[in-house]
Amino acid sequence: KTCSKCGSKTERETLYVTYHTAIADIKNQLFTRRCKNCE
């Protein structure tokens, strides 16, 4: 909930992740937090 680099509050963000398999690429949504100052 706070950035370990600058100490600012982080914001909720959805990260789209792709998992590669031999058959297909599978896309998932993961809930993350992001520091807008430090990116």
PDB file of all heavy atoms in Angstrom:
ATOM      1  N   LYS A   1       0.802  -1.229   0.000  1.00  0.00           N
ATOM      2  CA  LYS A   1       0.000   0.000   0.000  1.00  0.00           C
ATOM      3  C   LYS A   1       0.831   1.274   0.000  1.00  0.00           C
ATOM      4  O   LYS A   1       0.316   2.349  -0.266  1.00  0.00           O
ATOM      5  CB  LYS A   1      -0.980  -0.019   1.168  1.00  0.00           C
ATOM      6  CG  LYS A   1      -2.003  -1.131   1.004  1.00  0.00           C
ATOM      7  CD  LYS A   1      -3.061  -1.119   2.056  1.00  0.00           C
ATOM      8  CE  LYS A   1      -4.043  -2.262   1.783  1.00  0.00           C
ATOM      9  NZ  LYS A   1      -5.211  -2.179   2.602  1.00  0.00           N
ATOM     10  N   THR A   2       2.123   1.147   0.306  1.00  0.00           N
ATOM     11  CA  THR A   2       3.035   2.294   0.211  1.00  0.00           C
ATOM     12  C   THR A   2       4.271   1.866  -0.573  1.00  0.00           C
ATOM     13  O   THR A   2       4.713   0.721  -0.480  1.00  0.00           O
ATOM     14  CB  THR A   2       3.473   2.818   1.592  1.00  0.00           C
ATOM     15  OG1 THR A   2       4.053   1.749   2.328  1.00  0.00           O
ATOM     16  CG2 THR A   2       2.323   3.409   2.363  1.00  0.00           C
ATOM     17  N   CYS A   3       4.810   2.783  -1.331  1.00  0.00           N
ATOM     18  CA  CYS A   3       5.987   2.511  -2.156  1.00  0.00           C
ATOM     19  C   CYS A   3       7.200   2.291  -1.255  1.00  0.00           C
ATOM     20  O   CYS A   3       7.482   3.109  -0.382  1.00  0.00           O
ATOM     21  CB  CYS A   3       6.229   3.668  -3.117  1.00  0.00           C
ATOM     22  SG  CYS A   3       7.697   3.461  -4.155  1.00  0.00           S
ATOM     23  N   SER A   4       7.913   1.197  -1.486  1.00  0.00           N
ATOM     24  CA  SER A   4       9.089   0.920  -0.655  1.00  0.00           C
ATOM     25  C   SER A   4      10.272   1.814  -1.030  1.00  0.00           C
ATOM     26  O   SER A   4      11.225   1.928  -0.280  1.00  0.00           O
ATOM     27  CB  SER A   4       9.487  -0.554  -0.761  1.00  0.00           C
ATOM     28  OG  SER A   4       9.832  -0.885  -2.081  1.00  0.00           O
ATOM     29  N   LYS A   5      10.184   2.505  -2.158  1.00  0.00           N
ATOM     30  CA  LYS A   5      11.271   3.400  -2.575  1.00  0.00           C
ATOM     31  C   LYS A   5      11.075   4.829  -2.058  1.00  0.00           C
ATOM     32  O   LYS A   5      11.975   5.409  -1.477  1.00  0.00           O
ATOM     33  CB  LYS A   5      11.378   3.406  -4.099  1.00  0.00           C
ATOM     34  CG  LYS A   5      12.522   4.225  -4.624  1.00  0.00           C
ATOM     35  CD  LYS A   5      12.642   4.108  -6.120  1.00  0.00           C
ATOM     36  CE  LYS A   5      13.819   4.937  -6.624  1.00  0.00           C
ATOM     37  NZ  LYS A   5      13.948   4.875  -8.075  1.00  0.00           N
ATOM     38  N   CYS A   6       9.850   5.399  -2.266  1.00  0.00           N
ATOM     39  CA  CYS A   6       9.648   6.812  -1.901  1.00  0.00           C
ATOM     40  C   CYS A   6       8.667   7.020  -0.747  1.00  0.00           C
ATOM     41  O   CYS A   6       8.547   8.122  -0.238  1.00  0.00           O
ATOM     42  CB  CYS A   6       9.183   7.609  -3.125  1.00  0.00           C
ATOM     43  SG  CYS A   6       7.471   7.292  -3.618  1.00  0.00           S
ATOM     44  N   GLY A   7       7.927   5.984  -0.357  1.00  0.00           N
ATOM     45  CA  GLY A   7       6.999   6.096   0.762  1.00  0.00           C
ATOM     46  C   GLY A   7       5.620   6.626   0.406  1.00  0.00           C
ATOM     47  O   GLY A   7       4.759   6.757   1.267  1.00  0.00           O
ATOM     48  N   SER A   8       5.379   6.940  -0.871  1.00  0.00           N
ATOM     49  CA  SER A   8       4.063   7.433  -1.302  1.00  0.00           C
ATOM     50  C   SER A   8       3.031   6.310  -1.284  1.00  0.00           C
ATOM     51  O   SER A   8       3.384   5.137  -1.387  1.00  0.00           O
ATOM     52  CB  SER A   8       4.142   7.977  -2.737  1.00  0.00           C
ATOM     53  OG  SER A   8       4.996   9.080  -2.801  1.00  0.00           O
ATOM     54  N   LYS A   9       1.759   6.693  -1.163  1.00  0.00           N
ATOM     55  CA  LYS A   9       0.688   5.702  -1.247  1.00  0.00           C
ATOM     56  C   LYS A   9       0.617   5.172  -2.674  1.00  0.00           C
ATOM     57  O   LYS A   9       0.787   5.929  -3.633  1.00  0.00           O
ATOM     58  CB  LYS A   9      -0.651   6.309  -0.869  1.00  0.00           C
ATOM     59  CG  LYS A   9      -0.831   6.480   0.598  1.00  0.00           C
ATOM     60  CD  LYS A   9      -2.270   6.761   0.935  1.00  0.00           C
ATOM     61  CE  LYS A   9      -2.441   6.698   2.438  1.00  0.00           C
ATOM     62  NZ  LYS A   9      -3.827   6.701   2.833  1.00  0.00           N
ATOM     63  N   THR A  10       0.352   3.872  -2.796  1.00  0.00           N
ATOM     64  CA  THR A  10       0.206   3.265  -4.118  1.00  0.00           C
ATOM     65  C   THR A  10      -1.265   3.216  -4.494  1.00  0.00           C
ATOM     66  O   THR A  10      -2.138   3.261  -3.624  1.00  0.00           O
ATOM     67  CB  THR A  10       0.803   1.845  -4.143  1.00  0.00           C
ATOM     68  OG1 THR A  10       0.176   1.062  -3.120  1.00  0.00           O
ATOM     69  CG2 THR A  10       2.310   1.876  -3.918  1.00  0.00           C
ATOM     70  N   GLU A  11      -1.528   3.102  -5.781  1.00  0.00           N
ATOM     71  CA  GLU A  11      -2.897   3.044  -6.288  1.00  0.00           C
ATOM     72  C   GLU A  11      -3.185   1.655  -6.850  1.00  0.00           C
ATOM     73  O   GLU A  11      -2.293   1.010  -7.400  1.00  0.00           O
ATOM     74  CB  GLU A  11      -3.090   4.087  -7.388  1.00  0.00           C
ATOM     75  CG  GLU A  11      -2.904   5.508  -6.903  1.00  0.00           C
ATOM     76  CD  GLU A  11      -3.068   6.533  -8.015  1.00  0.00           C
ATOM     77  OE1 GLU A  11      -3.680   6.211  -9.054  1.00  0.00           O
ATOM     78  OE2 GLU A  11      -2.587   7.660  -7.842  1.00  0.00           O
ATOM     79  N   ARG A  12      -4.441   1.249  -6.727  1.00  0.00           N
ATOM     80  CA  ARG A  12      -4.862  -0.044  -7.277  1.00  0.00           C
ATOM     81  C   ARG A  12      -4.747  -0.013  -8.794  1.00  0.00           C
ATOM     82  O   ARG A  12      -5.040   0.989  -9.429  1.00  0.00           O
ATOM     83  CB  ARG A  12      -6.304  -0.355  -6.903  1.00  0.00           C
ATOM     84  CG  ARG A  12      -6.499  -0.607  -5.458  1.00  0.00           C
ATOM     85  CD  ARG A  12      -7.942  -0.909  -5.197  1.00  0.00           C
ATOM     86  NE  ARG A  12      -8.180  -0.910  -3.755  1.00  0.00           N
ATOM     87  CZ  ARG A  12      -9.366  -0.969  -3.214  1.00  0.00           C
ATOM     88  NH1 ARG A  12     -10.439  -1.008  -3.969  1.00  0.00           N
ATOM     89  NH2 ARG A  12      -9.505  -0.969  -1.915  1.00  0.00           N
ATOM     90  N   GLU A  13      -4.331  -1.154  -9.336  1.00  0.00           N
ATOM     91  CA  GLU A  13      -4.199  -1.264 -10.779  1.00  0.00           C
ATOM     92  C   GLU A  13      -4.397  -2.725 -11.178  1.00  0.00           C
ATOM     93  O   GLU A  13      -4.021  -3.622 -10.448  1.00  0.00           O
ATOM     94  CB  GLU A  13      -2.799  -0.792 -11.198  1.00  0.00           C
ATOM     95  CG  GLU A  13      -2.619  -0.655 -12.681  1.00  0.00           C
ATOM     96  CD  GLU A  13      -1.281  -0.006 -13.014  1.00  0.00           C
ATOM     97  OE1 GLU A  13      -0.271  -0.729 -13.075  1.00  0.00           O
ATOM     98  OE2 GLU A  13      -1.256   1.223 -13.201  1.00  0.00           O
ATOM     99  N   THR A  14      -4.995  -2.933 -12.343  1.00  0.00           N
ATOM    100  CA  THR A  14      -5.145  -4.276 -12.876  1.00  0.00           C
ATOM    101  C   THR A  14      -4.027  -4.512 -13.873  1.00  0.00           C
ATOM    102  O   THR A  14      -3.825  -3.716 -14.790  1.00  0.00           O
ATOM    103  CB  THR A  14      -6.507  -4.451 -13.568  1.00  0.00           C
ATOM    104  OG1 THR A  14      -7.538  -4.165 -12.618  1.00  0.00           O
ATOM    105  CG2 THR A  14      -6.691  -5.859 -14.082  1.00  0.00           C
ATOM    106  N   LEU A  15      -3.305  -5.598 -13.689  1.00  0.00           N
ATOM    107  CA  LEU A  15      -2.208  -5.955 -14.582  1.00  0.00           C
ATOM    108  C   LEU A  15      -2.644  -7.145 -15.425  1.00  0.00           C
ATOM    109  O   LEU A  15      -3.115  -8.149 -14.895  1.00  0.00           O
ATOM    110  CB  LEU A  15      -0.965  -6.315 -13.757  1.00  0.00           C
ATOM    111  CG  LEU A  15       0.259  -6.743 -14.526  1.00  0.00           C
ATOM    112  CD1 LEU A  15       0.817  -5.581 -15.340  1.00  0.00           C
ATOM    113  CD2 LEU A  15       1.322  -7.259 -13.562  1.00  0.00           C
ATOM    114  N   TYR A  16      -2.492  -7.021 -16.722  1.00  0.00           N
ATOM    115  CA  TYR A  16      -2.832  -8.115 -17.630  1.00  0.00           C
ATOM    116  C   TYR A  16      -1.571  -8.915 -17.906  1.00  0.00           C
ATOM    117  O   TYR A  16      -0.583  -8.386 -18.401  1.00  0.00           O
ATOM    118  CB  TYR A  16      -3.450  -7.567 -18.911  1.00  0.00           C
ATOM    119  CG  TYR A  16      -4.754  -6.865 -18.636  1.00  0.00           C
ATOM    120  CD1 TYR A  16      -4.794  -5.493 -18.395  1.00  0.00           C
ATOM    121  CD2 TYR A  16      -5.941  -7.580 -18.559  1.00  0.00           C
ATOM    122  CE1 TYR A  16      -5.986  -4.853 -18.101  1.00  0.00           C
ATOM    123  CE2 TYR A  16      -7.139  -6.949 -18.267  1.00  0.00           C
ATOM    124  CZ  TYR A  16      -7.148  -5.580 -18.041  1.00  0.00           C
ATOM    125  OH  TYR A  16      -8.333  -4.955 -17.744  1.00  0.00           O
ATOM    126  N   VAL A  17      -1.612 -10.200 -17.569  1.00  0.00           N
ATOM    127  CA  VAL A  17      -0.456 -11.080 -17.667  1.00  0.00           C
ATOM    128  C   VAL A  17      -0.765 -12.201 -18.648  1.00  0.00           C
ATOM    129  O   VAL A  17      -1.880 -12.723 -18.672  1.00  0.00           O
ATOM    130  CB  VAL A  17      -0.136 -11.669 -16.271  1.00  0.00           C
ATOM    131  CG1 VAL A  17       1.008 -12.642 -16.333  1.00  0.00           C
ATOM    132  CG2 VAL A  17       0.140 -10.561 -15.287  1.00  0.00           C
ATOM    133  N   THR A  18       0.235 -12.562 -19.444  1.00  0.00           N
ATOM    134  CA  THR A  18       0.068 -13.667 -20.390  1.00  0.00           C
ATOM    135  C   THR A  18       0.943 -14.833 -19.962  1.00  0.00           C
ATOM    136  O   THR A  18       2.132 -14.665 -19.694  1.00  0.00           O
ATOM    137  CB  THR A  18       0.454 -13.228 -21.816  1.00  0.00           C
ATOM    138  OG1 THR A  18      -0.324 -12.095 -22.182  1.00  0.00           O
ATOM    139  CG2 THR A  18       0.197 -14.342 -22.818  1.00  0.00           C
ATOM    140  N   TYR A  19       0.322 -16.011 -19.918  1.00  0.00           N
ATOM    141  CA  TYR A  19       1.037 -17.256 -19.609  1.00  0.00           C
ATOM    142  C   TYR A  19       1.116 -18.069 -20.892  1.00  0.00           C
ATOM    143  O   TYR A  19       0.089 -18.375 -21.498  1.00  0.00           O
ATOM    144  CB  TYR A  19       0.304 -18.028 -18.504  1.00  0.00           C
ATOM    145  CG  TYR A  19       0.939 -19.354 -18.175  1.00  0.00           C
ATOM    146  CD1 TYR A  19       2.205 -19.407 -17.613  1.00  0.00           C
ATOM    147  CD2 TYR A  19       0.286 -20.548 -18.432  1.00  0.00           C
ATOM    148  CE1 TYR A  19       2.805 -20.609 -17.305  1.00  0.00           C
ATOM    149  CE2 TYR A  19       0.873 -21.761 -18.119  1.00  0.00           C
ATOM    150  CZ  TYR A  19       2.139 -21.791 -17.573  1.00  0.00           C
ATOM    151  OH  TYR A  19       2.736 -22.983 -17.279  1.00  0.00           O
ATOM    152  N   HIS A  20       2.324 -18.366 -21.321  1.00  0.00           N
ATOM    153  CA  HIS A  20       2.532 -19.073 -22.582  1.00  0.00           C
ATOM    154  C   HIS A  20       2.555 -20.585 -22.343  1.00  0.00           C
ATOM    155  O   HIS A  20       3.295 -21.072 -21.502  1.00  0.00           O
ATOM    156  CB  HIS A  20       3.854 -18.640 -23.218  1.00  0.00           C
ATOM    157  CG  HIS A  20       3.967 -17.161 -23.410  1.00  0.00           C
ATOM    158  ND1 HIS A  20       3.332 -16.501 -24.441  1.00  0.00           N
ATOM    159  CD2 HIS A  20       4.610 -16.207 -22.685  1.00  0.00           C
ATOM    160  CE1 HIS A  20       3.603 -15.207 -24.350  1.00  0.00           C
ATOM    161  NE2 HIS A  20       4.359 -14.991 -23.289  1.00  0.00           N
ATOM    162  N   THR A  21       1.719 -21.311 -23.111  1.00  0.00           N
ATOM    163  CA  THR A  21       1.719 -22.774 -23.059  1.00  0.00           C
ATOM    164  C   THR A  21       1.970 -23.296 -24.468  1.00  0.00           C
ATOM    165  O   THR A  21       1.950 -22.533 -25.443  1.00  0.00           O
ATOM    166  CB  THR A  21       0.371 -23.327 -22.552  1.00  0.00           C
ATOM    167  OG1 THR A  21      -0.639 -23.065 -23.523  1.00  0.00           O
ATOM    168  CG2 THR A  21      -0.021 -22.730 -21.222  1.00  0.00           C
ATOM    169  N   ALA A  22       2.166 -24.584 -24.596  1.00  0.00           N
ATOM    170  CA  ALA A  22       2.396 -25.192 -25.907  1.00  0.00           C
ATOM    171  C   ALA A  22       1.150 -25.093 -26.787  1.00  0.00           C
ATOM    172  O   ALA A  22       1.248 -25.037 -28.011  1.00  0.00           O
ATOM    173  CB  ALA A  22       2.811 -26.644 -25.739  1.00  0.00           C
ATOM    174  N   ILE A  23      -0.013 -25.031 -26.159  1.00  0.00           N
ATOM    175  CA  ILE A  23      -1.276 -25.015 -26.907  1.00  0.00           C
ATOM    176  C   ILE A  23      -1.722 -23.591 -27.230  1.00  0.00           C
ATOM    177  O   ILE A  23      -2.125 -23.296 -28.346  1.00  0.00           O
ATOM    178  CB  ILE A  23      -2.379 -25.748 -26.114  1.00  0.00           C
ATOM    179  CG1 ILE A  23      -1.963 -27.202 -25.896  1.00  0.00           C
ATOM    180  CG2 ILE A  23      -3.712 -25.666 -26.821  1.00  0.00           C
ATOM    181  CD1 ILE A  23      -2.813 -27.943 -24.907  1.00  0.00           C
ATOM    182  N   ALA A  24      -1.652 -22.709 -26.250  1.00  0.00           N
ATOM    183  CA  ALA A  24      -2.147 -21.337 -26.453  1.00  0.00           C
ATOM    184  C   ALA A  24      -1.562 -20.399 -25.406  1.00  0.00           C
ATOM    185  O   ALA A  24      -0.996 -20.837 -24.409  1.00  0.00           O
ATOM    186  CB  ALA A  24      -3.666 -21.325 -26.367  1.00  0.00           C
ATOM    187  N   ASP A  25      -1.735 -19.116 -25.652  1.00  0.00           N
ATOM    188  CA  ASP A  25      -1.377 -18.098 -24.658  1.00  0.00           C
ATOM    189  C   ASP A  25      -2.616 -17.794 -23.834  1.00  0.00           C
ATOM    190  O   ASP A  25      -3.682 -17.529 -24.386  1.00  0.00           O
ATOM    191  CB  ASP A  25      -0.890 -16.819 -25.336  1.00  0.00           C
ATOM    192  CG  ASP A  25       0.469 -16.995 -25.978  1.00  0.00           C
ATOM    193  OD1 ASP A  25       1.140 -18.007 -25.692  1.00  0.00           O
ATOM    194  OD2 ASP A  25       0.855 -16.122 -26.764  1.00  0.00           O
ATOM    195  N   ILE A  26      -2.472 -17.850 -22.526  1.00  0.00           N
ATOM    196  CA  ILE A  26      -3.600 -17.629 -21.618  1.00  0.00           C
ATOM    197  C   ILE A  26      -3.404 -16.280 -20.940  1.00  0.00           C
ATOM    198  O   ILE A  26      -2.367 -16.033 -20.326  1.00  0.00           O
ATOM    199  CB  ILE A  26      -3.682 -18.754 -20.575  1.00  0.00           C
ATOM    200  CG1 ILE A  26      -3.848 -20.097 -21.287  1.00  0.00           C
ATOM    201  CG2 ILE A  26      -4.811 -18.500 -19.591  1.00  0.00           C
ATOM    202  CD1 ILE A  26      -3.614 -21.290 -20.408  1.00  0.00           C
ATOM    203  N   LYS A  27      -4.414 -15.413 -21.041  1.00  0.00           N
ATOM    204  CA  LYS A  27      -4.340 -14.082 -20.436  1.00  0.00           C
ATOM    205  C   LYS A  27      -5.117 -14.066 -19.126  1.00  0.00           C
ATOM    206  O   LYS A  27      -6.207 -14.597 -19.040  1.00  0.00           O
ATOM    207  CB  LYS A  27      -4.886 -13.036 -21.389  1.00  0.00           C
ATOM    208  CG  LYS A  27      -4.053 -12.939 -22.645  1.00  0.00           C
ATOM    209  CD  LYS A  27      -4.544 -11.866 -23.562  1.00  0.00           C
ATOM    210  CE  LYS A  27      -3.867 -12.008 -24.880  1.00  0.00           C
ATOM    211  NZ  LYS A  27      -3.038 -11.038 -25.342  1.00  0.00           N
ATOM    212  N   ASN A  28      -4.503 -13.449 -18.124  1.00  0.00           N
ATOM    213  CA  ASN A  28      -5.128 -13.326 -16.813  1.00  0.00           C
ATOM    214  C   ASN A  28      -5.019 -11.897 -16.318  1.00  0.00           C
ATOM    215  O   ASN A  28      -4.134 -11.157 -16.731  1.00  0.00           O
ATOM    216  CB  ASN A  28      -4.437 -14.232 -15.788  1.00  0.00           C
ATOM    217  CG  ASN A  28      -4.518 -15.686 -16.149  1.00  0.00           C
ATOM    218  OD1 ASN A  28      -3.523 -16.272 -16.546  1.00  0.00           O
ATOM    219  ND2 ASN A  28      -5.681 -16.287 -16.037  1.00  0.00           N
ATOM    220  N   GLN A  29      -5.914 -11.538 -15.397  1.00  0.00           N
ATOM    221  CA  GLN A  29      -5.855 -10.236 -14.735  1.00  0.00           C
ATOM    222  C   GLN A  29      -5.370 -10.455 -13.307  1.00  0.00           C
ATOM    223  O   GLN A  29      -5.892 -11.309 -12.604  1.00  0.00           O
ATOM    224  CB  GLN A  29      -7.241  -9.601 -14.664  1.00  0.00           C
ATOM    225  CG  GLN A  29      -7.817  -9.205 -15.978  1.00  0.00           C
ATOM    226  CD  GLN A  29      -9.196  -8.578 -15.800  1.00  0.00           C
ATOM    227  OE1 GLN A  29      -9.526  -8.085 -14.734  1.00  0.00           O
ATOM    228  NE2 GLN A  29      -9.982  -8.601 -16.847  1.00  0.00           N
ATOM    229  N   LEU A  30      -4.375  -9.676 -12.916  1.00  0.00           N
ATOM    230  CA  LEU A  30      -3.887  -9.735 -11.543  1.00  0.00           C
ATOM    231  C   LEU A  30      -4.067  -8.363 -10.908  1.00  0.00           C
ATOM    232  O   LEU A  30      -3.847  -7.338 -11.546  1.00  0.00           O
ATOM    233  CB  LEU A  30      -2.410 -10.113 -11.508  1.00  0.00           C
ATOM    234  CG  LEU A  30      -2.039 -11.485 -12.044  1.00  0.00           C
ATOM    235  CD1 LEU A  30      -0.534 -11.696 -11.953  1.00  0.00           C
ATOM    236  CD2 LEU A  30      -2.767 -12.574 -11.288  1.00  0.00           C
ATOM    237  N   PHE A  31      -4.475  -8.347  -9.655  1.00  0.00           N
ATOM    238  CA  PHE A  31      -4.656  -7.093  -8.948  1.00  0.00           C
ATOM    239  C   PHE A  31      -3.327  -6.689  -8.316  1.00  0.00           C
ATOM    240  O   PHE A  31      -2.738  -7.447  -7.554  1.00  0.00           O
ATOM    241  CB  PHE A  31      -5.764  -7.217  -7.907  1.00  0.00           C
ATOM    242  CG  PHE A  31      -7.095  -7.491  -8.541  1.00  0.00           C
ATOM    243  CD1 PHE A  31      -7.651  -8.749  -8.496  1.00  0.00           C
ATOM    244  CD2 PHE A  31      -7.753  -6.489  -9.232  1.00  0.00           C
ATOM    245  CE1 PHE A  31      -8.869  -9.008  -9.104  1.00  0.00           C
ATOM    246  CE2 PHE A  31      -8.965  -6.743  -9.850  1.00  0.00           C
ATOM    247  CZ  PHE A  31      -9.533  -8.001  -9.786  1.00  0.00           C
ATOM    248  N   THR A  32      -2.866  -5.505  -8.680  1.00  0.00           N
ATOM    249  CA  THR A  32      -1.581  -5.001  -8.216  1.00  0.00           C
ATOM    250  C   THR A  32      -1.758  -3.603  -7.649  1.00  0.00           C
ATOM    251  O   THR A  32      -2.857  -3.044  -7.683  1.00  0.00           O
ATOM    252  CB  THR A  32      -0.561  -4.951  -9.374  1.00  0.00           C
ATOM    253  OG1 THR A  32      -1.053  -4.074 -10.390  1.00  0.00           O
ATOM    254  CG2 THR A  32      -0.316  -6.324  -9.956  1.00  0.00           C
ATOM    255  N   ARG A  33      -0.673  -3.044  -7.155  1.00  0.00           N
ATOM    256  CA  ARG A  33      -0.654  -1.657  -6.692  1.00  0.00           C
ATOM    257  C   ARG A  33       0.540  -0.999  -7.368  1.00  0.00           C
ATOM    258  O   ARG A  33       1.574  -1.632  -7.568  1.00  0.00           O
ATOM    259  CB  ARG A  33      -0.546  -1.586  -5.180  1.00  0.00           C
ATOM    260  CG  ARG A  33      -1.720  -2.334  -4.545  1.00  0.00           C
ATOM    261  CD  ARG A  33      -2.127  -1.907  -3.199  1.00  0.00           C
ATOM    262  NE  ARG A  33      -2.352  -0.518  -2.959  1.00  0.00           N
ATOM    263  CZ  ARG A  33      -3.552   0.020  -2.751  1.00  0.00           C
ATOM    264  NH1 ARG A  33      -4.640  -0.713  -2.868  1.00  0.00           N
ATOM    265  NH2 ARG A  33      -3.669   1.293  -2.448  1.00  0.00           N
ATOM    266  N   ARG A  34       0.392   0.272  -7.735  1.00  0.00           N
ATOM    267  CA  ARG A  34       1.435   0.971  -8.483  1.00  0.00           C
ATOM    268  C   ARG A  34       1.718   2.340  -7.881  1.00  0.00           C
ATOM    269  O   ARG A  34       0.802   3.078  -7.549  1.00  0.00           O
ATOM    270  CB  ARG A  34       1.012   1.115  -9.937  1.00  0.00           C
ATOM    271  CG  ARG A  34       2.059   1.730 -10.826  1.00  0.00           C
ATOM    272  CD  ARG A  34       1.709   1.501 -12.286  1.00  0.00           C
ATOM    273  NE  ARG A  34       2.642   2.145 -13.170  1.00  0.00           N
ATOM    274  CZ  ARG A  34       3.815   1.665 -13.535  1.00  0.00           C
ATOM    275  NH1 ARG A  34       4.199   0.495 -13.085  1.00  0.00           N
ATOM    276  NH2 ARG A  34       4.602   2.315 -14.365  1.00  0.00           N
ATOM    277  N   CYS A  35       3.006   2.651  -7.774  1.00  0.00           N
ATOM    278  CA  CYS A  35       3.434   3.976  -7.356  1.00  0.00           C
ATOM    279  C   CYS A  35       3.550   4.826  -8.615  1.00  0.00           C
ATOM    280  O   CYS A  35       4.349   4.518  -9.504  1.00  0.00           O
ATOM    281  CB  CYS A  35       4.780   3.911  -6.633  1.00  0.00           C
ATOM    282  SG  CYS A  35       5.406   5.552  -6.202  1.00  0.00           S
ATOM    283  N   LYS A  36       2.735   5.860  -8.711  1.00  0.00           N
ATOM    284  CA  LYS A  36       2.753   6.730  -9.885  1.00  0.00           C
ATOM    285  C   LYS A  36       4.024   7.573  -9.939  1.00  0.00           C
ATOM    286  O   LYS A  36       4.496   7.914 -11.017  1.00  0.00           O
ATOM    287  CB  LYS A  36       1.521   7.643  -9.908  1.00  0.00           C
ATOM    288  CG  LYS A  36       0.206   6.893  -9.965  1.00  0.00           C
ATOM    289  CD  LYS A  36       0.062   6.130 -11.275  1.00  0.00           C
ATOM    290  CE  LYS A  36      -1.288   5.433 -11.310  1.00  0.00           C
ATOM    291  NZ  LYS A  36      -1.456   4.569 -12.449  1.00  0.00           N
ATOM    292  N   ASN A  37       4.601   7.913  -8.778  1.00  0.00           N
ATOM    293  CA  ASN A  37       5.827   8.719  -8.740  1.00  0.00           C
ATOM    294  C   ASN A  37       7.022   7.938  -9.285  1.00  0.00           C
ATOM    295  O   ASN A  37       7.784   8.444 -10.101  1.00  0.00           O
ATOM    296  CB  ASN A  37       6.141   9.184  -7.316  1.00  0.00           C
ATOM    297  CG  ASN A  37       5.081  10.097  -6.764  1.00  0.00           C
ATOM    298  OD1 ASN A  37       4.386  10.781  -7.497  1.00  0.00           O
ATOM    299  ND2 ASN A  37       4.940  10.107  -5.444  1.00  0.00           N
ATOM    300  N   CYS A  38       7.208   6.721  -8.802  1.00  0.00           N
ATOM    301  CA  CYS A  38       8.377   5.912  -9.159  1.00  0.00           C
ATOM    302  C   CYS A  38       8.113   4.962 -10.337  1.00  0.00           C
ATOM    303  O   CYS A  38       9.041   4.351 -10.845  1.00  0.00           O
ATOM    304  CB  CYS A  38       8.828   5.095  -7.956  1.00  0.00           C
ATOM    305  SG  CYS A  38       9.274   6.084  -6.529  1.00  0.00           S
ATOM    306  N   GLU A  39       6.831   4.814 -10.695  1.00  0.00           N
ATOM    307  CA  GLU A  39       6.407   3.878 -11.749  1.00  0.00           C
ATOM    308  C   GLU A  39       6.850   2.450 -11.432  1.00  0.00           C
ATOM    309  O   GLU A  39       7.357   1.739 -12.278  1.00  0.00           O
ATOM    310  CB  GLU A  39       6.918   4.337 -13.111  1.00  0.00           C
ATOM    311  CG  GLU A  39       6.331   5.673 -13.530  1.00  0.00           C
ATOM    312  CD  GLU A  39       6.712   6.084 -14.940  1.00  0.00           C
ATOM    313  OE1 GLU A  39       7.521   5.394 -15.586  1.00  0.00           O
ATOM    314  OE2 GLU A  39       6.191   7.105 -15.397  1.00  0.00           O
TER     315      GLU A  39
END
